[in-house]
Structures are given as structure tokens and as C-alpha cells.
Amino acid sequence: MAILENEFLKVSAGTKGAQLTSFFNKKTNTEHLWQANPDVWPWHAPNLFPVVGGLINDELMVDGKAYAMKRHGFARQSEFILLETSEVHASFSKPYCEKTLEVYPYKFDFQVMYTLIDNALRVTYKLINRDKQPVYFSVGGHPAFNVPFNTGERYEDYYLEFEVHEELKTHQLSAEGFFTGEEHHVTMEGNKLQLTRELFAEDALVFKNLLSRMVTIKSNLHDKSLSVEFPHFNYLGLWAKPGADFVCIEPWLGCADTVNNQVDINKKEAIQMTDVGHVFEASYFISI
């Protein structure tokens, strides 16, 4: 377990999945991170690697060979090594091993790093290619934030404010979690998306071509807010389990398969590649 703290925030993260487990606003005494109620949704903020979303038949195709792989990959279930920690920084590592090679035939070191910078937490994903071939992968965040912030408030008192006004179109998912090829318009009020209990009734909202690079949770009742900024991530998922008191703001570099279109990893939509001897890094920020 790593605990980071400054005058604004106190955050913690564990070695299981290198998952953030607390994001505490010291100025308002508010815990912003969902506390993983096992009866509702048993996660806080899983890190998604080496795939994002679902795979047809739960199979990852690499060079024509099928490997067993569950939705969102194995990182969230893996034990990480705590490489280093200080008052404001922690880094975790999941290197390849015999077990990972059985389901993902690449040699790598996947790292998750957390750094407090004033009123923000920087979350950095790092992929070091340890192989003699290019490494293909997807990566993303899945943090869940408590809504409402305060007791006595309603979920419907809150909304998501996008950085700029835009025409939101979500890419429809099948019951199995695969893209269907259909798009649906999402109703906005200017650059505001109202949170309702019905908003995620048909699964996540997935956006592929956003102009915004920041989404903020705000309330009609007060000026407390929480923002997720994702300058390096081209896809964004929004999701909540219906009826649950949280909303996930998910920056992705990668996405689910499309119905009836199982392809090799190097042809997957939004796939990332790190060449031999190279290192990949991408960050997003959570701020109050």
C-alpha cells in the first residue's frame, strides 16, 4: 500500500492491480473515490491492460493464435510490485512472467505511477518493451467517483460538464459488450450532460471523437467539483451500474471488439504499439 499526501489531497493505492483506493479531498473532508461495495460494484479504479473492453469469445488473437483473455485484461487482477514511494509519488510494476506469456505472448514491464501535483493527481501508464518484437496493447483507466458528494443530496443534482460544447454521439454496445456499428445522439444542455439513473441503462456511453479533453463532475447545489483531464487519450467511456451512487470517467487508448469482427491484435481498433527498445507513456489527471 502506498499513501500520498499534500495540503490538498490524501490518496492511497494498493499492489492488487496497482489500483487507486482512496482520493480524499482534505479541504472539504470528502472521499471522492467509490469504496468498492462488493454488493454493488467491487472495484475502485481498475487499470485496464493489455486490452480495453470485451473480446469476442474472450479471446485475444495474436499472429493468428487465440489466447484466453477476459474483458479489460489481466492487470486489474494481478499483483504489482511497489517500486518506489515518497510523500507525493508512487510507482508500481507488473513485469511479464510465465503466467502472462501464456495469455499474452509479449515481454514487457507495465507500470502505473501516481504523482500528486498541488490539487491534482497524475496517473501515468508506462509500457517498457522487453521483447525482440513490437508489443501491441491497449490501456485505460476506469476510476469510479462518488455521486453525490454529500449525504442528503440526489444523484440527479449532478451533471458532467465537458470542456467545450459538442455534439455527443455514443457508439452502441451489444448485450455482450461489443460495438454494433450504431451511433446514438446524447442529449446535452450546452456542454452539460445531466446525470440520471437511466443514463447508463444500456451500458456505457463511449465517445471516439471528442473535442473535449476534460470532463468535470459538478452539482447544481454547490461549487464543489472534480475533474478528469485526459490529454493523451482519444477515447472516453462514461458508465455507472444502474442505481449505484457513482459515475466512472474512463480515459482509454483502446476499445472493445466489434460484433462479428474478430481480428488480430495488430489490427484492433485504437491499438497501441511500442517498438523494440522503446517506452510508451500516457497520463491523465484527477483534480479538485
Protein backbone atom coordinates (compact mmCIF):
# COMPACT_ATOMS: atom_id res chain seq x y z
CA MET A 1 0.00 0.00 0.00
CA ALA A 2 1.21 3.49 -0.88
CA ILE A 3 -0.21 6.63 0.76
CA LEU A 4 0.45 10.03 -0.83
CA GLU A 5 -0.45 13.30 0.84
CA ASN A 6 -0.08 17.05 0.44
CA GLU A 7 -2.07 20.04 1.68
CA PHE A 8 -4.94 19.35 -0.74
CA LEU A 9 -5.25 15.60 -1.10
CA LYS A 10 -4.61 12.26 0.56
CA VAL A 11 -4.66 9.29 -1.80
CA SER A 12 -3.85 5.62 -1.46
CA ALA A 13 -3.17 2.77 -3.87
CA GLY A 14 -2.60 -0.94 -3.34
CA THR A 15 -0.48 -3.57 -5.04
CA LYS A 16 -3.53 -5.55 -6.25
CA GLY A 17 -3.91 -4.16 -9.75
CA ALA A 18 -1.96 -1.03 -8.70
CA GLN A 19 -5.46 0.27 -8.03
CA LEU A 20 -6.21 3.65 -6.52
CA THR A 21 -8.27 3.01 -3.37
CA SER A 22 -8.86 6.49 -1.97
CA PHE A 23 -8.95 10.04 -3.30
CA PHE A 24 -9.66 12.22 -0.28
CA ASN A 25 -10.22 15.97 -0.52
CA LYS A 26 -8.69 17.40 2.65
CA LYS A 27 -10.16 20.85 2.08
CA THR A 28 -13.76 19.59 2.19
CA ASN A 29 -13.25 16.27 4.06
CA THR A 30 -14.74 14.43 1.08
CA GLU A 31 -13.90 10.93 -0.13
CA HIS A 32 -14.36 11.17 -3.88
CA LEU A 33 -13.48 7.60 -4.86
CA TRP A 34 -16.11 4.86 -4.84
CA GLN A 35 -15.32 2.50 -1.96
CA ALA A 36 -15.89 -0.77 -3.83
CA ASN A 37 -19.09 -2.00 -2.17
CA PRO A 38 -18.99 -5.71 -3.14
CA ASP A 39 -22.79 -5.85 -3.28
CA VAL A 40 -22.85 -3.14 -5.97
CA TRP A 41 -19.52 -2.97 -7.85
CA PRO A 42 -16.37 -4.32 -6.15
CA TRP A 43 -13.78 -2.00 -7.70
CA HIS A 44 -12.41 1.48 -7.03
CA ALA A 45 -10.41 2.43 -10.12
CA PRO A 46 -9.12 -0.59 -12.07
CA ASN A 47 -6.28 -0.16 -14.53
CA LEU A 48 -7.05 -1.77 -17.89
CA PHE A 49 -4.24 -3.65 -19.68
CA PRO A 50 -3.42 -5.20 -22.14
CA VAL A 51 -6.94 -4.82 -23.54
CA VAL A 52 -9.77 -2.35 -23.02
CA GLY A 53 -13.31 -3.67 -23.27
CA GLY A 54 -14.54 -7.07 -24.33
CA LEU A 55 -13.07 -9.58 -26.77
CA ILE A 56 -15.15 -11.88 -28.97
CA ASN A 57 -15.21 -15.34 -27.32
CA ASP A 58 -12.95 -13.89 -24.60
CA GLU A 59 -10.06 -14.49 -26.98
CA LEU A 60 -7.15 -12.26 -27.91
CA MET A 61 -5.81 -13.05 -31.36
CA VAL A 62 -2.04 -12.68 -31.82
CA ASP A 63 -0.45 -13.82 -35.08
CA GLY A 64 -3.49 -15.99 -35.77
CA LYS A 65 -3.40 -17.77 -32.41
CA ALA A 66 -6.17 -17.39 -29.81
CA TYR A 67 -5.28 -16.59 -26.18
CA ALA A 68 -7.81 -16.61 -23.34
CA MET A 69 -8.40 -13.03 -22.15
CA LYS A 70 -11.25 -11.59 -20.11
CA ARG A 71 -12.77 -8.13 -20.54
CA HIS A 72 -10.35 -5.30 -19.69
CA GLY A 73 -7.33 -7.62 -19.43
CA PHE A 74 -5.40 -9.18 -16.58
CA ALA A 75 -3.69 -6.17 -14.96
CA ARG A 76 -6.58 -5.38 -12.60
CA GLN A 77 -6.40 -8.93 -11.16
CA SER A 78 -2.58 -9.00 -10.97
CA GLU A 79 -0.27 -8.39 -8.06
CA PHE A 80 2.09 -5.49 -8.77
CA ILE A 81 5.47 -4.69 -7.27
CA LEU A 82 5.72 -1.38 -5.41
CA LEU A 83 8.88 0.01 -6.99
CA GLU A 84 9.15 3.26 -5.08
CA THR A 85 7.14 5.59 -2.90
CA SER A 86 7.52 9.02 -1.35
CA GLU A 87 5.17 11.59 0.17
CA VAL A 88 3.84 12.57 -3.25
CA HIS A 89 4.80 9.77 -5.65
CA ALA A 90 4.43 6.00 -6.04
CA SER A 91 5.21 3.65 -8.88
CA PHE A 92 4.04 0.07 -9.37
CA SER A 93 5.32 -2.55 -11.82
CA LYS A 94 3.84 -5.66 -13.42
CA PRO A 95 6.61 -7.35 -15.46
CA TYR A 96 5.97 -10.24 -17.79
CA CYS A 97 6.27 -13.74 -16.37
CA GLU A 98 5.48 -17.31 -17.41
CA LYS A 99 1.84 -16.82 -16.43
CA THR A 100 1.39 -13.68 -18.56
CA LEU A 101 3.17 -15.25 -21.53
CA GLU A 102 0.54 -18.00 -21.54
CA VAL A 103 -2.22 -15.46 -22.31
CA TYR A 104 -0.29 -12.55 -23.83
CA PRO A 105 2.85 -13.53 -25.78
CA TYR A 106 4.89 -10.38 -25.24
CA LYS A 107 7.73 -9.50 -22.90
CA PHE A 108 7.02 -6.20 -21.18
CA ASP A 109 7.09 -4.18 -18.00
CA PHE A 110 3.77 -2.42 -17.37
CA GLN A 111 4.00 0.36 -14.79
CA VAL A 112 1.41 2.56 -13.10
CA MET A 113 2.64 5.75 -11.47
CA TYR A 114 0.80 8.19 -9.19
CA THR A 115 2.07 11.71 -8.52
CA LEU A 116 0.44 14.49 -6.50
CA ILE A 117 0.84 17.93 -8.08
CA ASP A 118 -0.89 20.54 -5.90
CA ASN A 119 -4.66 19.85 -6.17
CA ALA A 120 -4.27 17.13 -8.82
CA LEU A 121 -3.21 13.51 -9.07
CA ARG A 122 -1.34 12.50 -12.20
CA VAL A 123 -1.91 8.89 -13.24
CA THR A 124 0.74 7.65 -15.68
CA TYR A 125 0.82 4.40 -17.62
CA LYS A 126 4.23 3.25 -18.79
CA LEU A 127 4.97 0.29 -21.06
CA ILE A 128 8.59 -0.82 -21.49
CA ASN A 129 9.18 -3.18 -24.39
CA ARG A 130 11.41 -6.03 -23.13
CA ASP A 131 10.83 -8.09 -26.25
CA LYS A 132 12.59 -8.56 -29.58
CA GLN A 133 9.41 -7.62 -31.44
CA PRO A 134 6.90 -4.75 -31.28
CA VAL A 135 4.44 -5.01 -28.38
CA TYR A 136 0.76 -4.35 -29.18
CA PHE A 137 -1.61 -3.37 -26.38
CA SER A 138 -4.44 -1.21 -25.15
CA VAL A 139 -4.52 0.67 -21.87
CA GLY A 140 -7.01 2.75 -19.94
CA GLY A 141 -8.39 3.94 -16.64
CA HIS A 142 -11.72 3.08 -15.01
CA PRO A 143 -11.99 5.31 -11.89
CA ALA A 144 -15.37 5.49 -10.17
CA PHE A 145 -16.29 8.67 -8.32
CA ASN A 146 -18.91 9.04 -5.61
CA VAL A 147 -22.06 10.87 -6.66
CA PRO A 148 -23.49 12.61 -4.76
CA PHE A 149 -20.56 14.14 -2.88
CA ASN A 150 -22.60 14.80 0.27
CA THR A 151 -25.28 12.95 2.20
CA GLY A 152 -28.79 14.25 1.69
CA GLU A 153 -28.22 15.06 -1.98
CA ARG A 154 -29.60 13.30 -5.03
CA TYR A 155 -27.78 11.77 -7.99
CA GLU A 156 -29.89 13.99 -10.24
CA ASP A 157 -28.46 17.10 -8.56
CA TYR A 158 -25.23 16.46 -10.50
CA TYR A 159 -24.08 16.79 -14.09
CA LEU A 160 -20.97 16.27 -16.21
CA GLU A 161 -19.53 19.39 -17.78
CA PHE A 162 -17.49 18.89 -20.93
CA GLU A 163 -14.59 21.19 -21.70
CA VAL A 164 -16.26 22.50 -24.85
CA HIS A 165 -19.71 22.32 -26.39
CA GLU A 166 -20.00 19.39 -28.77
CA GLU A 167 -22.45 17.03 -30.41
CA LEU A 168 -22.15 13.85 -28.38
CA LYS A 169 -22.62 10.55 -30.19
CA THR A 170 -22.18 7.32 -28.28
CA HIS A 171 -21.15 4.14 -30.04
CA GLN A 172 -23.70 1.48 -29.20
CA LEU A 173 -22.66 -1.70 -27.42
CA SER A 174 -24.34 -5.09 -27.75
CA ALA A 175 -25.57 -7.03 -24.72
CA GLU A 176 -22.19 -8.82 -24.79
CA GLY A 177 -20.28 -5.54 -24.76
CA PHE A 178 -19.20 -5.31 -28.42
CA PHE A 179 -19.67 -2.37 -30.78
CA THR A 180 -22.64 -2.83 -33.09
CA GLY A 181 -21.71 -0.11 -35.59
CA GLU A 182 -24.67 2.02 -34.50
CA GLU A 183 -24.37 5.53 -33.07
CA HIS A 184 -26.84 7.35 -30.86
CA HIS A 185 -27.17 11.05 -30.12
CA VAL A 186 -26.75 12.01 -26.45
CA THR A 187 -28.85 14.94 -25.30
CA MET A 188 -26.85 17.81 -23.82
CA GLU A 189 -27.71 21.19 -22.32
CA GLY A 190 -24.93 23.29 -23.81
CA ASN A 191 -21.80 21.49 -22.63
CA LYS A 192 -23.61 19.80 -19.70
CA LEU A 193 -24.69 16.17 -19.53
CA GLN A 194 -27.27 15.66 -16.76
CA LEU A 195 -26.73 12.60 -14.58
CA THR A 196 -29.83 10.45 -14.24
CA ARG A 197 -30.50 6.92 -13.06
CA GLU A 198 -31.46 5.98 -16.63
CA LEU A 199 -28.40 7.43 -18.37
CA PHE A 200 -26.46 4.14 -18.38
CA ALA A 201 -29.39 1.75 -18.66
CA GLU A 202 -27.99 0.38 -21.93
CA ASP A 203 -24.36 0.10 -20.73
CA ALA A 204 -21.54 2.62 -21.08
CA LEU A 205 -21.52 5.73 -23.21
CA VAL A 206 -18.45 5.51 -25.44
CA PHE A 207 -17.08 8.51 -27.32
CA LYS A 208 -14.43 8.23 -30.01
CA ASN A 209 -14.08 11.72 -31.43
CA LEU A 210 -14.35 14.16 -28.54
CA LEU A 211 -13.09 17.69 -28.85
CA SER A 212 -13.03 17.99 -25.05
CA ARG A 213 -10.06 16.72 -23.11
CA MET A 214 -11.57 17.33 -19.69
CA VAL A 215 -14.84 16.32 -18.02
CA THR A 216 -15.92 17.72 -14.65
CA ILE A 217 -18.45 16.42 -12.13
CA LYS A 218 -20.47 19.38 -10.85
CA SER A 219 -23.56 19.98 -8.76
CA ASN A 220 -26.50 22.35 -9.02
CA LEU A 221 -26.35 22.79 -5.24
CA HIS A 222 -22.77 23.93 -4.53
CA ASP A 223 -19.41 24.70 -6.15
CA LYS A 224 -17.54 21.53 -5.20
CA SER A 225 -16.26 19.72 -8.28
CA LEU A 226 -13.93 17.02 -9.54
CA SER A 227 -12.29 16.97 -12.96
CA VAL A 228 -10.68 14.27 -15.09
CA GLU A 229 -8.31 15.61 -17.74
CA PHE A 230 -7.09 13.20 -20.42
CA PRO A 231 -4.81 14.96 -22.93
CA HIS A 232 -3.26 11.72 -24.25
CA PHE A 233 -6.41 9.59 -24.55
CA ASN A 234 -8.57 9.63 -27.69
CA TYR A 235 -11.45 7.51 -26.38
CA LEU A 236 -13.63 8.11 -23.34
CA GLY A 237 -16.09 5.86 -21.58
CA LEU A 238 -18.74 7.00 -19.10
CA TRP A 239 -20.50 4.38 -17.02
CA ALA A 240 -22.31 3.62 -13.79
CA LYS A 241 -24.03 0.49 -12.64
CA PRO A 242 -27.74 1.39 -12.79
CA GLY A 243 -28.88 2.65 -9.40
CA ALA A 244 -25.37 2.95 -7.96
CA ASP A 245 -24.08 6.16 -6.40
CA PHE A 246 -21.06 6.68 -8.61
CA VAL A 247 -20.02 7.60 -12.11
CA CYS A 248 -16.95 6.31 -13.95
CA ILE A 249 -14.96 8.65 -16.19
CA GLU A 250 -12.70 6.37 -18.22
CA PRO A 251 -9.85 7.59 -20.46
CA TRP A 252 -8.97 4.87 -22.97
CA LEU A 253 -6.36 4.08 -25.58
CA GLY A 254 -8.18 1.10 -26.98
CA CYS A 255 -11.71 -0.27 -27.07
CA ALA A 256 -13.91 -3.35 -27.35
CA ASP A 257 -14.24 -5.60 -30.38
CA THR A 258 -16.94 -5.03 -32.98
CA VAL A 259 -19.68 -7.63 -33.44
CA ASN A 260 -18.68 -10.41 -35.88
CA ASN A 261 -15.26 -8.87 -36.43
CA GLN A 262 -12.61 -10.77 -34.52
CA VAL A 263 -9.21 -9.54 -35.74
CA ASP A 264 -5.57 -9.92 -34.84
CA ILE A 265 -4.32 -7.60 -32.10
CA ASN A 266 -2.28 -5.53 -34.55
CA LYS A 267 -5.50 -4.75 -36.47
CA LYS A 268 -7.70 -3.93 -33.46
CA GLU A 269 -9.30 -0.51 -33.36
CA ALA A 270 -7.25 2.08 -31.45
CA ILE A 271 -4.46 -0.41 -30.71
CA GLN A 272 -1.16 0.94 -29.40
CA MET A 273 2.30 -0.26 -30.40
CA THR A 274 5.67 0.15 -28.71
CA ASP A 275 8.65 -0.82 -30.84
CA VAL A 276 11.71 -2.79 -29.80
CA GLY A 277 13.76 -0.90 -27.23
CA HIS A 278 11.12 1.82 -26.85
CA VAL A 279 8.99 3.07 -23.96
CA PHE A 280 5.36 4.27 -24.04
CA GLU A 281 3.90 6.77 -21.57
CA ALA A 282 0.48 8.42 -21.26
CA SER A 283 -1.07 10.32 -18.35
CA TYR A 284 -4.41 11.55 -17.15
CA PHE A 285 -5.20 13.83 -14.21
CA ILE A 286 -7.80 13.85 -11.44
CA SER A 287 -8.18 17.24 -9.77
CA ILE A 288 -10.38 19.05 -7.29
